[in-house]
Amino acid sequence: MRKPAYALAALAGAAMLVTPMTASASTASASTASASATQTLSFRGMNLTIPSSWKVYRDGDRVKVITGACGKPSAGYFTPKCDAFWLFGPKVIKYGHEGFSAYTPERPFYPASDVQRCPFNGKHGQVLGKATVAGLRQVGPGHKAHYRSWFGRCVKDGNGEQTATFDQREWFLPKSKILVVDVWNTPGLAGMLKRATWS
């Protein structure tokens, strides 16, 4: 299952802020509209330029960035039906493997020991399988992240029937102690991380 169309509408709407004018005026207007259609998200020295329509919720060592529809914006990780990605710091990373031990790139981020809810349907559980992609990814100048994409399945309780699939994408920066987790295939996120700046 991929990002629903309604979540992409927010990005498409941001691109339609420019009113047609003469060529030179239109270019200036486009630059102004483009600047006002973005915001800077800073976390542990990493700065991301994200659409201004995305909502940022901070809670100590964790940041939830809502990119589309979300029934419970301030709810925690594993909350279903909330188009979002997360930024985590060292306090969360410390318990990122089943809530007992530290996250490492060799295992998916899963801060619980029991079966958690499917991102798309809270009535079903989720199961994470093997990594389908693994390697290093640039996150701004001078920073490389351990990148993994884990194959996820949504399954019915009881009989385990598969109802949907997803990819859990993770960018882990061990020196900066930052972990980015995305299960909604957020459009443009990989590029935003690649263009990150550092302070």
Protein backbone atom coordinates (compact mmCIF):
# COMPACT_ATOMS: atom_id res chain seq x y z
CA MET A 1 0.00 0.00 0.00
CA ARG A 2 1.40 3.36 -0.92
CA LYS A 3 0.76 6.91 0.21
CA PRO A 4 -2.93 7.74 -0.31
CA ALA A 5 -3.77 10.38 -2.91
CA TYR A 6 -5.29 12.74 -0.34
CA ALA A 7 -1.92 13.03 1.41
CA LEU A 8 -0.29 14.15 -1.84
CA ALA A 9 -2.89 16.90 -2.26
CA ALA A 10 -1.24 19.03 0.42
CA LEU A 11 2.01 19.09 -1.56
CA ALA A 12 0.20 19.72 -4.83
CA GLY A 13 -1.73 22.61 -3.26
CA ALA A 14 1.49 24.28 -2.11
CA ALA A 15 2.73 24.34 -5.69
CA MET A 16 -0.40 26.20 -6.88
CA LEU A 17 0.16 29.38 -4.84
CA VAL A 18 1.69 31.29 -7.75
CA THR A 19 -0.67 33.60 -9.67
CA PRO A 20 0.15 33.95 -13.41
CA MET A 21 1.79 37.34 -14.21
CA THR A 22 4.40 38.67 -16.59
CA ALA A 23 7.52 36.51 -16.87
CA SER A 24 9.77 38.56 -14.56
CA ALA A 25 7.05 39.29 -12.00
CA SER A 26 5.96 35.68 -12.08
CA THR A 27 9.52 34.50 -11.34
CA ALA A 28 9.78 36.84 -8.33
CA SER A 29 6.36 35.76 -7.13
CA ALA A 30 7.30 32.10 -7.51
CA SER A 31 10.39 32.60 -5.35
CA THR A 32 8.34 34.33 -2.65
CA ALA A 33 5.60 31.69 -2.77
CA SER A 34 8.17 28.89 -2.67
CA ALA A 35 9.88 30.40 0.39
CA SER A 36 6.58 30.91 2.22
CA ALA A 37 5.44 27.38 1.33
CA THR A 38 8.28 25.86 3.38
CA GLN A 39 9.46 25.80 6.96
CA THR A 40 12.67 24.68 8.65
CA LEU A 41 12.56 21.74 11.02
CA SER A 42 15.58 21.58 13.34
CA PHE A 43 16.46 18.53 15.44
CA ARG A 44 19.78 17.85 17.17
CA GLY A 45 21.67 20.11 14.74
CA MET A 46 20.01 18.73 11.59
CA ASN A 47 17.88 21.22 9.63
CA LEU A 48 15.27 20.03 7.12
CA THR A 49 13.28 22.21 4.74
CA ILE A 50 9.74 20.81 4.72
CA PRO A 51 6.39 22.06 3.36
CA SER A 52 4.71 24.64 5.60
CA SER A 53 1.50 22.55 5.46
CA TRP A 54 3.18 19.77 7.47
CA LYS A 55 2.52 19.95 11.21
CA VAL A 56 5.32 19.35 13.72
CA TYR A 57 4.67 17.90 17.19
CA ARG A 58 7.57 17.80 19.63
CA ASP A 59 7.69 15.62 22.74
CA GLY A 60 11.10 15.64 24.36
CA ASP A 61 13.38 13.32 22.40
CA ARG A 62 10.86 12.67 19.64
CA VAL A 63 9.34 14.72 16.84
CA LYS A 64 6.26 13.67 14.87
CA VAL A 65 5.84 15.35 11.47
CA ILE A 66 2.30 15.02 10.13
CA THR A 67 2.23 15.15 6.35
CA GLY A 68 -1.45 14.49 5.60
CA ALA A 69 -4.59 13.15 7.28
CA CYS A 70 -4.26 12.21 10.95
CA GLY A 71 -7.02 11.31 13.38
CA LYS A 72 -4.89 11.80 16.52
CA PRO A 73 -2.02 14.22 15.81
CA SER A 74 -0.47 14.17 19.29
CA ALA A 75 -0.71 10.38 19.74
CA GLY A 76 2.42 8.24 20.02
CA TYR A 77 4.26 5.89 17.72
CA PHE A 78 2.22 2.99 16.26
CA THR A 79 -0.94 5.14 16.11
CA PRO A 80 -2.81 4.05 12.96
CA LYS A 81 -4.30 6.27 10.27
CA CYS A 82 -1.85 9.12 10.73
CA ASP A 83 0.28 10.12 7.73
CA ALA A 84 3.52 11.07 9.44
CA PHE A 85 7.20 10.35 9.93
CA TRP A 86 9.25 10.51 13.11
CA LEU A 87 12.61 11.87 14.27
CA PHE A 88 14.03 10.18 17.36
CA GLY A 89 16.96 11.05 19.60
CA PRO A 90 19.14 8.96 21.95
CA LYS A 91 16.54 8.42 24.70
CA VAL A 92 14.20 6.69 22.25
CA ILE A 93 16.98 4.94 20.31
CA LYS A 94 18.12 3.39 23.60
CA TYR A 95 14.90 1.32 23.70
CA GLY A 96 14.24 0.97 19.96
CA HIS A 97 14.45 -2.82 19.91
CA GLU A 98 11.32 -4.25 21.51
CA GLY A 99 11.41 -1.62 24.27
CA PHE A 100 14.24 -3.38 26.12
CA SER A 101 17.45 -2.85 24.17
CA ALA A 102 18.99 -0.27 21.87
CA TYR A 103 18.10 0.17 18.22
CA THR A 104 20.71 -0.98 15.70
CA PRO A 105 20.42 -0.81 11.90
CA GLU A 106 20.52 -4.63 11.75
CA ARG A 107 17.00 -4.83 13.22
CA PRO A 108 13.93 -2.70 12.47
CA PHE A 109 12.89 0.04 14.86
CA TYR A 110 10.16 -1.58 16.94
CA PRO A 111 9.88 -0.14 20.47
CA ALA A 112 7.42 -2.76 21.75
CA SER A 113 7.55 -6.45 22.59
CA ASP A 114 4.03 -7.33 21.45
CA VAL A 115 2.20 -7.08 18.11
CA GLN A 116 1.35 -3.47 17.31
CA ARG A 117 -1.37 -2.04 15.08
CA CYS A 118 -1.17 -1.75 11.32
CA PRO A 119 -0.48 1.82 10.14
CA PHE A 120 -3.60 1.76 7.92
CA ASN A 121 -6.10 -0.16 10.07
CA GLY A 122 -6.05 -0.32 13.86
CA LYS A 123 -8.02 -3.59 13.84
CA HIS A 124 -5.10 -5.45 12.26
CA GLY A 125 -1.58 -6.12 13.51
CA GLN A 126 1.74 -5.52 11.81
CA VAL A 127 4.67 -7.82 11.11
CA LEU A 128 8.07 -6.60 9.93
CA GLY A 129 10.16 -8.89 7.75
CA LYS A 130 13.60 -8.65 6.21
CA ALA A 131 15.28 -5.51 4.91
CA THR A 132 14.72 -5.15 1.17
CA VAL A 133 17.23 -2.28 0.82
CA ALA A 134 20.32 -1.59 2.93
CA GLY A 135 23.17 0.86 2.51
CA LEU A 136 24.41 4.35 3.26
CA ARG A 137 22.52 7.54 2.36
CA GLN A 138 23.76 11.12 2.40
CA VAL A 139 22.03 13.40 4.92
CA GLY A 140 23.43 16.83 4.14
CA PRO A 141 27.12 17.61 3.76
CA GLY A 142 29.48 15.42 5.77
CA HIS A 143 26.81 13.11 7.23
CA LYS A 144 25.88 9.60 6.14
CA ALA A 145 23.05 7.52 7.52
CA HIS A 146 22.66 3.77 7.72
CA TYR A 147 19.58 3.29 5.56
CA ARG A 148 17.19 0.35 5.70
CA SER A 149 13.81 -0.36 4.12
CA TRP A 150 12.00 -3.15 5.95
CA PHE A 151 9.11 -5.06 4.37
CA GLY A 152 5.99 -4.74 6.53
CA ARG A 153 2.70 -6.60 6.42
CA CYS A 154 -0.67 -5.88 7.99
CA VAL A 155 -2.39 -9.07 9.17
CA LYS A 156 -5.70 -10.03 10.73
CA ASP A 157 -5.66 -11.23 14.32
CA GLY A 158 -6.29 -14.94 14.65
CA ASN A 159 -5.76 -16.24 11.12
CA GLY A 160 -2.84 -13.97 10.07
CA GLU A 161 -4.42 -13.12 6.71
CA GLN A 162 -2.46 -10.33 4.99
CA THR A 163 -4.53 -7.20 4.34
CA ALA A 164 -1.88 -4.66 3.25
CA THR A 165 1.86 -4.12 2.90
CA PHE A 166 4.16 -1.20 3.59
CA ASP A 167 7.84 -0.29 3.76
CA GLN A 168 9.34 0.95 7.00
CA ARG A 169 12.16 3.24 5.93
CA GLU A 170 14.86 4.17 8.44
CA TRP A 171 17.79 6.61 8.32
CA PHE A 172 20.12 6.21 11.32
CA LEU A 173 22.91 8.69 12.06
CA PRO A 174 24.92 7.06 14.89
CA LYS A 175 27.26 10.01 15.58
CA SER A 176 24.44 12.56 15.66
CA LYS A 177 22.18 10.08 17.49
CA ILE A 178 19.24 10.66 15.16
CA LEU A 179 16.86 8.07 13.75
CA VAL A 180 14.26 8.95 11.10
CA VAL A 181 11.43 6.44 10.66
CA ASP A 182 8.77 6.56 7.92
CA VAL A 183 6.08 3.94 7.20
CA TRP A 184 3.97 6.13 4.86
CA ASN A 185 6.44 6.40 1.96
CA THR A 186 6.39 10.17 2.49
CA PRO A 187 6.88 11.88 -0.90
CA GLY A 188 10.14 13.81 -1.13
CA LEU A 189 11.44 12.81 2.32
CA ALA A 190 14.59 11.11 0.99
CA GLY A 191 15.45 14.25 -0.99
CA MET A 192 14.80 16.52 1.99
CA LEU A 193 17.19 14.46 4.09
CA LYS A 194 19.79 14.48 1.34
CA ARG A 195 19.58 18.30 1.21
CA ALA A 196 19.69 18.71 5.01
CA THR A 197 21.94 21.36 6.52
CA TRP A 198 23.75 21.14 9.85
CA SER A 199 24.32 23.73 12.54
